Amino acid sequence: MGVVKGVILDESVVLDGENDDKNVSSLRPGVESLIKTLFLSGTRIGIAYSVDLSNDRVSILKRIATLYSLHWFILNDPVNEVVLPEWCNVENESVIYLVSSKKDLLLPKLRSYNWLVAVLNVGGETESDTPNIDDLAELPLTICRLNKRLTGSNLLTVAYTMKPSRVDDFAKRGAFPLCPTENGLMFVPLMATLPLASQLKDVDIVLHKATDEILSVEENKLTFTQNMQELQRYLDQNQDFCVVDPLVNIYPILYRLEIQKVLLGLLELNTGGSCLIRGAHFLKVDSFSQVNFAYELAEAGLSLPCIVKPNVACGVSDAHKMAIVFRVEDFKRINVPLPAVIQEYVDHSSTLYKFYVLGEKVFYAVKKSIPNADILMKLSSGNNLKPLEFDSLKSLPTAESTTVASGASNKPIDLKLVTDAANWLRKRLCLTIFGFDVVIQEGTHDHVIVDVNYLPSFKEVPDDISIPSFWAAIKNKFDGMVSKQARA
């Protein structure tokens, strides 16, 4: 038998059997979450039910089957031949049938179909050699255990944790398959409803987006959700566990001031080439009312206009609340959260290069960006040059017609220089998957890194290229850790 590529859910695990009112039918708690997880993981799913099931319960099964395009069929029809989905009999592939322990009399029949059988414990006992689970959320990890047993290979289980919308984005692009990838990874969600330690004992790698789990930031101190705190404690106590990436490694890019300091080190890459790679000039401010801006800006190498950003770079609602300031006196009028970073505004012909580092692979995409300063001033001139305030996640200051300034350089981006910077950042930050934004300054042609972020979506890169590189980066991280432990 091969790896599990299909799951059949018996109606006894789909429908809630706890309701004594036969006129009321509902889904078992957790079943929709399980179906969605299986669906997004690329697993084939079927629902089987008895011929004598009431019409109202059949209608519930049909609704959920239609919603997720699942196969549904009668398993014990004494009159008509049972028509199974085609994928139930594919050579070198396995199907797991999940049934309630209250229907243990069905087990011998199920095994006649050459299916793997697992039992959801809802009262009663089952045969000892049958995989048992106490919660529907345990099924994905059960499948991973079965796959390792069936193949006898070194498959690796990756547990991921991030906000649901991000899971959907990655999973819909095929990034989180439950069936092993070409390099032997199986992806399962880390479930908050299950004990963490019991899940991680069957997990080889944890992939997280910790910035999704930030509750608050006070005086540069982060407060994570209870689930993230628990995970952090576990990882602190199990230093040899593979995680992409350790929380301590992502801290520098959670604060704009810290990443600006890191970017100062890029100067060592500038060895006489035709252009420079650098971070933007910057100034940290703790107050907009007690600073001699004319002097401080000049000392920091800044000139107006400038862009003002909160020091906290992600994870909280106002981390992307920014302002472009044209006059010194207007710094006192803006509503950007403090502490803040005043950053050089680079004229870049509305062109932004988004770079993605996936392990040792570097990709990039070109996107439209904010116009040059002269156009921004025209946008603001009708408002007496008042600061332009915006949320960078929602909208950016734009002009209906954006033209390239006469002083713009026609030189293309220096990919070798930026790739060298990507590799320098990867080693400096010790991160596996991250992204950064580059703009090219008009006139000087300086390549300026204006933002760095952890575990970006990289959706601008075609999935057939980026997703295998994503998997390879995770696998290489694990292999490197194992190799390092072997040498220790």
Foldseek 3Di string as FASTA:
>chain_A
DAAAQEEEEELQQQWDPPDPPPVDTDGDPPPLVLVVQCLLQNGAYEYEYAPPDDPVSVVVVVVSCVVSVHHYWYDDDPPDDTDDPPVLDDPNYAYEYEEEQVVQVCVVVVCVSVHQYEYAYPDDDHDPVHHYDPDSLCVLLVSVVVNCVVPVDDAAEEEEDADPVLSSLCSNLNQAHQTADPVRYHYGYQDPVDDNVVSCVSHQEYEYDQLRFWDDADPNDTDGHPVVVVVLVVCVVVVLGHYQDNPVLQSQQQFPVSVLVVQQVQQVLCDPDLAAEGAWQKDWDQALPPDPCVVRCVVSVADPFWKKAERGCGNDDLRQKIKTAGDSVQSNVDDHDPRIMITHDFAFQQKKWKWKAAALDIDIDIDGHAHGPVVVQVVCVVVVRHIDIDGVVPDDDHDPDGDRDPQADPDDDDVVSVSVVVVVCCVVSVGRIKMWMWGQHGNRRYTYTHHIGHPDSPVVDRSVPVSVSNVVSSVVSSVVSVVVVVVD
